[in-house]
Amino acid sequence: MAQFAQFLISGGFAQGVTHYQDRYPGEEYSARVVLPVTVEGCLSVPAIVDTGAPWCVIDPEIARRVGTAVRAGYEPAKRLMVRGTLYEGRLLRMGISLEAEQGDSLEIDATVFVPMLSPSDPWPHPNFVGLDGFLNRIRFAVDPGENAFYFGPV
C-alpha cells in the first residue's frame, strides 16, 4: 500500500496509484519511471514517463496488434526525433490506461505517435508516455521513496 494513497485519493488530488519500475526492460543502465500502461484496453506494456516527449510513442507492432491503425480519424503525418533518430509516423488517438493498484484506474484518449517502419525493421526503442496528449491531461505525483505514481483527471 502506498503511504500517501489515502490522503491523495480522499483529498481529490488523485483517483489511483500504481507502482513503477526504476528501469525499462533491457535498459538497466539508467534510472527511469516506467509505468505499466494498457493500450486500447487489451494489451499491457511498459512505458517510460517522459515529460520532454511531445506525445506518447508506441511500438508500431503494438499499434498493429491492438488494431489502432484501422480506426479512422485524425492521423496526420509527422516526424519525430526519438533518441537521436528522425522517424516518419502518424499521430493517432488511442486509449491509454493507468491501472490502479489502489483506487480507480484512469483511461485517457491519448495522442500517440506511431512510427512507420518497413515490415522487416523492429522498433528499437521503448514506449513512452509523453507530455502533450497524455500527461497534460492528468494530475500526477511521484513518490520515489515507494516507487509510487499517483494519478487523477485534471
N, C-alpha and C. Protein backbone atom coordinates (compact mmCIF):
# COMPACT_ATOMS: atom_id res chain seq x y z
N MET A 1 0.83 -1.18 0.00
CA MET A 1 0.00 0.00 0.00
C MET A 1 0.88 1.25 0.00
N ALA A 2 0.56 2.20 -0.86
CA ALA A 2 1.34 3.42 -0.94
C ALA A 2 1.02 4.33 0.25
N GLN A 3 2.05 4.91 0.81
CA GLN A 3 1.96 5.68 2.05
C GLN A 3 0.96 6.85 1.96
N PHE A 4 0.92 7.56 0.85
CA PHE A 4 0.09 8.75 0.75
C PHE A 4 -1.22 8.51 0.01
N ALA A 5 -1.53 7.26 -0.31
CA ALA A 5 -2.72 6.96 -1.12
C ALA A 5 -4.00 7.46 -0.48
N GLN A 6 -4.20 7.17 0.79
CA GLN A 6 -5.45 7.58 1.42
C GLN A 6 -5.59 9.10 1.40
N PHE A 7 -4.53 9.81 1.70
CA PHE A 7 -4.57 11.27 1.73
C PHE A 7 -4.81 11.86 0.34
N LEU A 8 -4.07 11.40 -0.66
CA LEU A 8 -4.18 11.98 -2.00
C LEU A 8 -5.48 11.59 -2.71
N ILE A 9 -5.96 10.37 -2.48
CA ILE A 9 -7.20 9.94 -3.11
C ILE A 9 -8.41 10.57 -2.42
N SER A 10 -8.47 10.50 -1.09
CA SER A 10 -9.61 11.09 -0.37
C SER A 10 -9.61 12.61 -0.49
N GLY A 11 -8.44 13.20 -0.66
CA GLY A 11 -8.35 14.66 -0.81
C GLY A 11 -8.67 15.15 -2.22
N GLY A 12 -8.87 14.22 -3.16
CA GLY A 12 -9.27 14.60 -4.51
C GLY A 12 -8.13 14.90 -5.47
N PHE A 13 -6.88 14.80 -5.00
CA PHE A 13 -5.76 15.05 -5.92
C PHE A 13 -5.63 13.91 -6.93
N ALA A 14 -5.75 12.70 -6.44
CA ALA A 14 -5.58 11.52 -7.29
C ALA A 14 -6.80 10.63 -7.17
N GLN A 15 -6.98 9.77 -8.18
CA GLN A 15 -8.03 8.76 -8.07
C GLN A 15 -7.45 7.36 -7.96
N GLY A 16 -6.14 7.24 -8.26
CA GLY A 16 -5.49 5.95 -8.17
C GLY A 16 -4.00 6.07 -8.00
N VAL A 17 -3.39 4.94 -7.69
CA VAL A 17 -1.94 4.86 -7.55
C VAL A 17 -1.49 3.51 -8.08
N THR A 18 -0.34 3.51 -8.71
CA THR A 18 0.31 2.28 -9.15
C THR A 18 1.79 2.40 -8.83
N HIS A 19 2.47 1.29 -8.77
CA HIS A 19 3.91 1.31 -8.55
C HIS A 19 4.63 1.22 -9.88
N TYR A 20 5.76 1.88 -9.95
CA TYR A 20 6.54 1.89 -11.18
C TYR A 20 7.87 1.18 -10.98
N GLN A 21 8.47 0.80 -12.10
CA GLN A 21 9.80 0.19 -12.08
C GLN A 21 10.84 1.29 -12.29
N ASP A 22 12.04 1.05 -11.80
CA ASP A 22 13.15 2.02 -11.95
C ASP A 22 13.90 1.87 -13.25
N ARG A 23 13.69 0.78 -13.96
CA ARG A 23 14.43 0.51 -15.19
C ARG A 23 13.48 -0.02 -16.25
N TYR A 24 13.72 0.37 -17.51
CA TYR A 24 12.97 -0.20 -18.62
C TYR A 24 13.60 -1.55 -18.96
N PRO A 25 12.81 -2.57 -19.25
CA PRO A 25 13.38 -3.89 -19.58
C PRO A 25 14.44 -3.79 -20.69
N GLY A 26 15.61 -4.32 -20.41
CA GLY A 26 16.71 -4.30 -21.36
C GLY A 26 17.56 -3.05 -21.30
N GLU A 27 17.19 -2.10 -20.45
CA GLU A 27 17.95 -0.85 -20.31
C GLU A 27 18.28 -0.62 -18.84
N GLU A 28 19.01 -1.53 -18.26
CA GLU A 28 19.30 -1.48 -16.84
C GLU A 28 20.33 -0.41 -16.45
N TYR A 29 20.93 0.26 -17.43
CA TYR A 29 22.00 1.20 -17.15
C TYR A 29 21.51 2.59 -16.72
N SER A 30 20.25 2.90 -16.87
CA SER A 30 19.80 4.24 -16.48
C SER A 30 18.44 4.18 -15.80
N ALA A 31 18.29 5.02 -14.78
CA ALA A 31 17.06 5.06 -14.00
C ALA A 31 15.96 5.77 -14.78
N ARG A 32 14.75 5.25 -14.69
CA ARG A 32 13.58 5.80 -15.36
C ARG A 32 12.37 5.59 -14.48
N VAL A 33 11.29 6.28 -14.79
CA VAL A 33 9.98 5.99 -14.21
C VAL A 33 9.25 5.20 -15.29
N VAL A 34 9.07 3.90 -15.06
CA VAL A 34 8.46 3.02 -16.06
C VAL A 34 7.14 2.49 -15.52
N LEU A 35 6.06 2.94 -16.17
CA LEU A 35 4.72 2.54 -15.76
C LEU A 35 4.19 1.40 -16.62
N PRO A 36 3.39 0.54 -16.01
CA PRO A 36 2.63 -0.40 -16.84
C PRO A 36 1.40 0.35 -17.36
N VAL A 37 1.23 0.39 -18.68
CA VAL A 37 0.05 1.03 -19.26
C VAL A 37 -0.70 0.00 -20.09
N THR A 38 -2.00 0.20 -20.21
CA THR A 38 -2.81 -0.68 -21.04
C THR A 38 -3.23 0.09 -22.28
N VAL A 39 -2.95 -0.47 -23.45
CA VAL A 39 -3.22 0.17 -24.73
C VAL A 39 -4.54 -0.38 -25.28
N GLU A 40 -5.46 0.54 -25.57
CA GLU A 40 -6.76 0.18 -26.15
C GLU A 40 -7.49 -0.88 -25.35
N GLY A 41 -7.27 -0.89 -24.03
CA GLY A 41 -8.00 -1.79 -23.16
C GLY A 41 -7.64 -3.25 -23.27
N CYS A 42 -6.58 -3.58 -24.04
CA CYS A 42 -6.34 -5.00 -24.25
C CYS A 42 -4.89 -5.46 -24.11
N LEU A 43 -3.92 -4.57 -24.08
CA LEU A 43 -2.53 -5.01 -24.07
C LEU A 43 -1.74 -4.17 -23.08
N SER A 44 -1.17 -4.81 -22.07
CA SER A 44 -0.37 -4.10 -21.08
C SER A 44 1.09 -4.10 -21.51
N VAL A 45 1.70 -2.90 -21.51
CA VAL A 45 3.10 -2.75 -21.92
C VAL A 45 3.79 -1.76 -20.98
N PRO A 46 5.11 -1.85 -20.85
CA PRO A 46 5.83 -0.85 -20.07
C PRO A 46 6.03 0.42 -20.90
N ALA A 47 5.98 1.57 -20.23
CA ALA A 47 6.21 2.85 -20.91
C ALA A 47 6.96 3.79 -19.98
N ILE A 48 7.97 4.45 -20.53
CA ILE A 48 8.75 5.42 -19.77
C ILE A 48 7.98 6.73 -19.71
N VAL A 49 7.87 7.31 -18.51
CA VAL A 49 7.28 8.64 -18.37
C VAL A 49 8.32 9.64 -18.83
N ASP A 50 7.97 10.44 -19.86
CA ASP A 50 8.91 11.39 -20.45
C ASP A 50 8.23 12.74 -20.61
N THR A 51 8.45 13.63 -19.64
CA THR A 51 7.82 14.95 -19.69
C THR A 51 8.39 15.82 -20.81
N GLY A 52 9.49 15.39 -21.44
CA GLY A 52 10.06 16.12 -22.56
C GLY A 52 9.58 15.62 -23.92
N ALA A 53 8.83 14.53 -23.93
CA ALA A 53 8.32 13.99 -25.20
C ALA A 53 7.03 14.71 -25.58
N PRO A 54 6.91 15.14 -26.83
CA PRO A 54 5.71 15.86 -27.22
C PRO A 54 4.46 14.99 -27.22
N TRP A 55 4.60 13.68 -27.45
CA TRP A 55 3.45 12.77 -27.46
C TRP A 55 3.88 11.44 -26.86
N CYS A 56 2.92 10.59 -26.66
CA CYS A 56 3.24 9.19 -26.36
C CYS A 56 3.84 8.59 -27.63
N VAL A 57 4.73 7.65 -27.47
CA VAL A 57 5.32 6.94 -28.60
C VAL A 57 5.13 5.45 -28.33
N ILE A 58 4.49 4.77 -29.28
CA ILE A 58 4.18 3.35 -29.12
C ILE A 58 4.81 2.56 -30.26
N ASP A 59 5.37 1.43 -29.92
CA ASP A 59 5.93 0.48 -30.88
C ASP A 59 4.86 0.20 -31.95
N PRO A 60 5.20 0.33 -33.24
CA PRO A 60 4.21 0.09 -34.30
C PRO A 60 3.60 -1.31 -34.27
N GLU A 61 4.34 -2.28 -33.78
CA GLU A 61 3.79 -3.63 -33.67
C GLU A 61 2.68 -3.68 -32.63
N ILE A 62 2.83 -2.95 -31.56
CA ILE A 62 1.77 -2.88 -30.54
C ILE A 62 0.53 -2.23 -31.14
N ALA A 63 0.71 -1.13 -31.87
CA ALA A 63 -0.42 -0.45 -32.51
C ALA A 63 -1.13 -1.40 -33.47
N ARG A 64 -0.37 -2.18 -34.21
CA ARG A 64 -0.96 -3.14 -35.15
C ARG A 64 -1.75 -4.21 -34.40
N ARG A 65 -1.16 -4.71 -33.31
CA ARG A 65 -1.82 -5.79 -32.56
C ARG A 65 -3.13 -5.36 -31.93
N VAL A 66 -3.23 -4.10 -31.51
CA VAL A 66 -4.49 -3.65 -30.89
C VAL A 66 -5.47 -3.10 -31.92
N GLY A 67 -5.05 -3.07 -33.20
CA GLY A 67 -5.96 -2.66 -34.26
C GLY A 67 -6.16 -1.18 -34.40
N THR A 68 -5.26 -0.39 -33.85
CA THR A 68 -5.42 1.06 -33.89
C THR A 68 -5.34 1.62 -35.30
N ALA A 69 -4.50 1.05 -36.16
CA ALA A 69 -4.33 1.60 -37.50
C ALA A 69 -5.63 1.53 -38.31
N VAL A 70 -6.57 0.69 -37.89
CA VAL A 70 -7.83 0.53 -38.61
C VAL A 70 -8.78 1.69 -38.33
N ARG A 71 -8.64 2.31 -37.17
CA ARG A 71 -9.54 3.39 -36.77
C ARG A 71 -9.35 4.60 -37.67
N ALA A 72 -10.44 5.18 -38.09
CA ALA A 72 -10.39 6.40 -38.88
C ALA A 72 -10.23 7.59 -37.93
N GLY A 73 -9.83 8.70 -38.46
CA GLY A 73 -9.74 9.90 -37.64
C GLY A 73 -8.53 10.72 -37.96
N TYR A 74 -8.11 11.45 -36.98
CA TYR A 74 -7.02 12.40 -37.08
C TYR A 74 -5.70 11.64 -37.14
N GLU A 75 -5.11 11.53 -38.33
CA GLU A 75 -3.87 10.79 -38.49
C GLU A 75 -2.87 11.55 -39.35
N PRO A 76 -2.46 12.74 -38.93
CA PRO A 76 -1.52 13.49 -39.76
C PRO A 76 -0.14 12.85 -39.78
N ALA A 77 0.53 12.97 -40.90
CA ALA A 77 1.91 12.51 -40.99
C ALA A 77 2.78 13.49 -40.21
N LYS A 78 3.68 12.96 -39.42
CA LYS A 78 4.58 13.78 -38.60
C LYS A 78 5.96 13.16 -38.62
N ARG A 79 6.92 13.94 -38.16
CA ARG A 79 8.28 13.46 -37.95
C ARG A 79 8.61 13.72 -36.49
N LEU A 80 9.33 12.77 -35.91
CA LEU A 80 9.70 12.91 -34.51
C LEU A 80 11.09 12.32 -34.30
N MET A 81 11.91 13.08 -33.58
CA MET A 81 13.25 12.61 -33.21
C MET A 81 13.12 11.76 -31.96
N VAL A 82 13.49 10.50 -32.06
CA VAL A 82 13.45 9.58 -30.92
C VAL A 82 14.86 9.06 -30.70
N ARG A 83 15.44 9.48 -29.58
CA ARG A 83 16.79 9.05 -29.21
C ARG A 83 17.80 9.25 -30.34
N GLY A 84 17.73 10.42 -30.96
CA GLY A 84 18.70 10.80 -31.97
C GLY A 84 18.40 10.35 -33.38
N THR A 85 17.31 9.65 -33.60
CA THR A 85 16.93 9.20 -34.94
C THR A 85 15.60 9.83 -35.33
N LEU A 86 15.54 10.39 -36.53
CA LEU A 86 14.31 11.01 -37.01
C LEU A 86 13.42 9.94 -37.65
N TYR A 87 12.18 9.86 -37.18
CA TYR A 87 11.22 8.87 -37.69
C TYR A 87 10.03 9.57 -38.32
N GLU A 88 9.56 9.01 -39.42
CA GLU A 88 8.28 9.39 -40.01
C GLU A 88 7.23 8.56 -39.31
N GLY A 89 6.05 9.13 -39.13
CA GLY A 89 4.99 8.37 -38.48
C GLY A 89 3.67 9.09 -38.55
N ARG A 90 2.71 8.60 -37.82
CA ARG A 90 1.36 9.16 -37.78
C ARG A 90 0.97 9.43 -36.33
N LEU A 91 0.17 10.47 -36.16
CA LEU A 91 -0.44 10.73 -34.87
C LEU A 91 -1.80 10.06 -34.86
N LEU A 92 -2.03 9.23 -33.85
CA LEU A 92 -3.29 8.51 -33.72
C LEU A 92 -3.90 8.82 -32.36
N ARG A 93 -5.17 8.60 -32.23
CA ARG A 93 -5.85 8.67 -30.95
C ARG A 93 -5.98 7.24 -30.45
N MET A 94 -5.51 7.02 -29.24
CA MET A 94 -5.55 5.69 -28.64
C MET A 94 -5.95 5.81 -27.18
N GLY A 95 -6.68 4.81 -26.71
CA GLY A 95 -6.98 4.74 -25.28
C GLY A 95 -5.78 4.18 -24.55
N ILE A 96 -5.20 4.99 -23.65
CA ILE A 96 -4.07 4.55 -22.83
C ILE A 96 -4.54 4.63 -21.37
N SER A 97 -4.43 3.51 -20.66
CA SER A 97 -4.93 3.45 -19.28
C SER A 97 -3.80 3.26 -18.29
N LEU A 98 -3.96 3.93 -17.16
CA LEU A 98 -3.13 3.67 -15.99
C LEU A 98 -3.98 2.79 -15.08
N GLU A 99 -3.48 1.60 -14.79
CA GLU A 99 -4.23 0.64 -13.98
C GLU A 99 -3.88 0.84 -12.51
N ALA A 100 -4.89 1.14 -11.71
CA ALA A 100 -4.67 1.42 -10.29
C ALA A 100 -4.47 0.14 -9.50
N GLU A 101 -3.48 0.15 -8.63
CA GLU A 101 -3.32 -0.91 -7.64
C GLU A 101 -4.18 -0.60 -6.43
N GLN A 102 -4.43 0.69 -6.25
CA GLN A 102 -5.32 1.16 -5.18
C GLN A 102 -6.08 2.34 -5.75
N GLY A 103 -7.36 2.42 -5.48
CA GLY A 103 -8.19 3.47 -6.06
C GLY A 103 -8.74 3.02 -7.40
N ASP A 104 -8.98 3.99 -8.29
CA ASP A 104 -9.58 3.70 -9.60
C ASP A 104 -8.61 3.93 -10.74
N SER A 105 -8.69 3.06 -11.74
CA SER A 105 -7.87 3.20 -12.95
C SER A 105 -8.35 4.42 -13.74
N LEU A 106 -7.52 4.86 -14.68
CA LEU A 106 -7.84 6.05 -15.47
C LEU A 106 -7.46 5.80 -16.92
N GLU A 107 -8.43 6.00 -17.84
CA GLU A 107 -8.13 5.89 -19.27
C GLU A 107 -8.16 7.28 -19.88
N ILE A 108 -7.16 7.57 -20.70
CA ILE A 108 -7.05 8.84 -21.41
C ILE A 108 -7.11 8.56 -22.90
N ASP A 109 -7.88 9.35 -23.62
CA ASP A 109 -7.88 9.31 -25.08
C ASP A 109 -6.63 10.08 -25.51
N ALA A 110 -5.54 9.37 -25.66
CA ALA A 110 -4.22 9.97 -25.81
C ALA A 110 -3.85 10.22 -27.27
N THR A 111 -3.00 11.20 -27.48
CA THR A 111 -2.38 11.44 -28.78
C THR A 111 -1.08 10.64 -28.80
N VAL A 112 -0.96 9.76 -29.78
CA VAL A 112 0.16 8.82 -29.82
C VAL A 112 0.86 8.89 -31.17
N PHE A 113 2.17 8.99 -31.14
CA PHE A 113 2.98 8.91 -32.35
C PHE A 113 3.31 7.44 -32.59
N VAL A 114 2.96 6.95 -33.78
CA VAL A 114 3.29 5.58 -34.18
C VAL A 114 4.23 5.67 -35.37
N PRO A 115 5.49 5.28 -35.20
CA PRO A 115 6.45 5.35 -36.30
C PRO A 115 6.07 4.40 -37.43
N MET A 116 6.40 4.80 -38.65
CA MET A 116 6.20 3.93 -39.81
C MET A 116 7.54 3.29 -40.13
N LEU A 117 7.59 1.98 -40.05
CA LEU A 117 8.82 1.23 -40.32
C LEU A 117 8.55 0.27 -41.46
N SER A 118 9.61 -0.16 -42.11
CA SER A 118 9.43 -1.21 -43.11
C SER A 118 9.13 -2.51 -42.35
N PRO A 119 8.41 -3.44 -42.98
CA PRO A 119 7.97 -4.66 -42.27
C PRO A 119 9.08 -5.46 -41.60
N SER A 120 10.27 -5.41 -42.13
CA SER A 120 11.36 -6.20 -41.54
C SER A 120 12.10 -5.48 -40.42
N ASP A 121 11.81 -4.18 -40.21
CA ASP A 121 12.51 -3.41 -39.19
C ASP A 121 11.77 -3.47 -37.85
N PRO A 122 12.44 -3.96 -36.80
CA PRO A 122 11.82 -3.93 -35.47
C PRO A 122 11.97 -2.53 -34.86
N TRP A 123 11.09 -2.16 -33.96
CA TRP A 123 11.18 -0.89 -33.24
C TRP A 123 12.26 -1.06 -32.16
N PRO A 124 13.35 -0.27 -32.23
CA PRO A 124 14.47 -0.48 -31.31
C PRO A 124 14.39 0.31 -30.01
N HIS A 125 13.27 1.01 -29.77
CA HIS A 125 13.18 1.90 -28.61
C HIS A 125 12.05 1.50 -27.68
N PRO A 126 12.06 2.06 -26.46
CA PRO A 126 10.96 1.82 -25.53
C PRO A 126 9.68 2.54 -25.97
N ASN A 127 8.60 2.23 -25.28
CA ASN A 127 7.37 3.00 -25.40
C ASN A 127 7.50 4.18 -24.44
N PHE A 128 6.86 5.29 -24.79
CA PHE A 128 6.93 6.49 -23.95
C PHE A 128 5.54 7.03 -23.69
N VAL A 129 5.35 7.54 -22.48
CA VAL A 129 4.16 8.32 -22.15
C VAL A 129 4.63 9.76 -22.16
N GLY A 130 4.12 10.56 -23.10
CA GLY A 130 4.60 11.92 -23.29
C GLY A 130 3.70 12.99 -22.71
N LEU A 131 4.19 14.22 -22.81
CA LEU A 131 3.50 15.35 -22.20
C LEU A 131 2.22 15.72 -22.94
N ASP A 132 2.33 16.11 -24.22
CA ASP A 132 1.13 16.54 -24.96
C ASP A 132 0.24 15.34 -25.23
N GLY A 133 -1.00 15.50 -24.95
CA GLY A 133 -1.97 14.46 -25.25
C GLY A 133 -2.05 13.34 -24.24
N PHE A 134 -1.25 13.41 -23.17
CA PHE A 134 -1.42 12.43 -22.09
C PHE A 134 -1.13 13.07 -20.73
N LEU A 135 0.14 13.31 -20.42
CA LEU A 135 0.47 13.84 -19.10
C LEU A 135 -0.17 15.20 -18.84
N ASN A 136 -0.37 16.00 -19.89
CA ASN A 136 -1.02 17.29 -19.67
C ASN A 136 -2.54 17.15 -19.51
N ARG A 137 -3.04 15.93 -19.59
CA ARG A 137 -4.48 15.67 -19.38
C ARG A 137 -4.75 15.01 -18.03
N ILE A 138 -3.70 14.82 -17.24
CA ILE A 138 -3.88 14.21 -15.92
C ILE A 138 -3.14 15.02 -14.87
N ARG A 139 -3.48 14.77 -13.63
CA ARG A 139 -2.74 15.29 -12.49
C ARG A 139 -1.92 14.10 -11.99
N PHE A 140 -0.63 14.32 -11.71
CA PHE A 140 0.18 13.19 -11.24
C PHE A 140 1.24 13.64 -10.25
N ALA A 141 1.65 12.69 -9.43
CA ALA A 141 2.72 12.90 -8.46
C ALA A 141 3.53 11.62 -8.37
N VAL A 142 4.81 11.76 -8.11
CA VAL A 142 5.71 10.62 -8.00
C VAL A 142 6.30 10.62 -6.59
N ASP A 143 6.24 9.47 -5.94
CA ASP A 143 6.89 9.28 -4.66
C ASP A 143 8.04 8.30 -4.87
N PRO A 144 9.27 8.80 -5.07
CA PRO A 144 10.40 7.91 -5.36
C PRO A 144 10.79 7.02 -4.18
N GLY A 145 10.39 7.39 -2.99
CA GLY A 145 10.69 6.56 -1.83
C GLY A 145 9.96 5.23 -1.86
N GLU A 146 8.81 5.20 -2.53
CA GLU A 146 8.00 3.99 -2.61
C GLU A 146 7.76 3.53 -4.05
N ASN A 147 8.37 4.22 -5.01
CA ASN A 147 8.12 3.95 -6.43
C ASN A 147 6.61 4.00 -6.72
N ALA A 148 5.95 5.00 -6.16
CA ALA A 148 4.50 5.15 -6.32
C ALA A 148 4.22 6.30 -7.30
N PHE A 149 3.30 6.05 -8.22
CA PHE A 149 2.86 7.04 -9.19
C PHE A 149 1.37 7.26 -8.96
N TYR A 150 1.02 8.47 -8.48
CA TYR A 150 -0.35 8.84 -8.20
C TYR A 150 -0.91 9.56 -9.43
N PHE A 151 -2.18 9.34 -9.72
CA PHE A 151 -2.76 9.96 -10.91
C PHE A 151 -4.25 10.22 -10.74
N GLY A 152 -4.72 11.22 -11.48
CA GLY A 152 -6.14 11.53 -11.49
C GLY A 152 -6.43 12.47 -12.64
N PRO A 153 -7.71 12.68 -12.93
CA PRO A 153 -8.08 13.58 -14.03
C PRO A 153 -7.82 15.03 -13.65
N VAL A 154 -7.61 15.86 -14.64
CA VAL A 154 -7.43 17.30 -14.41
C VAL A 154 -8.79 17.92 -14.20
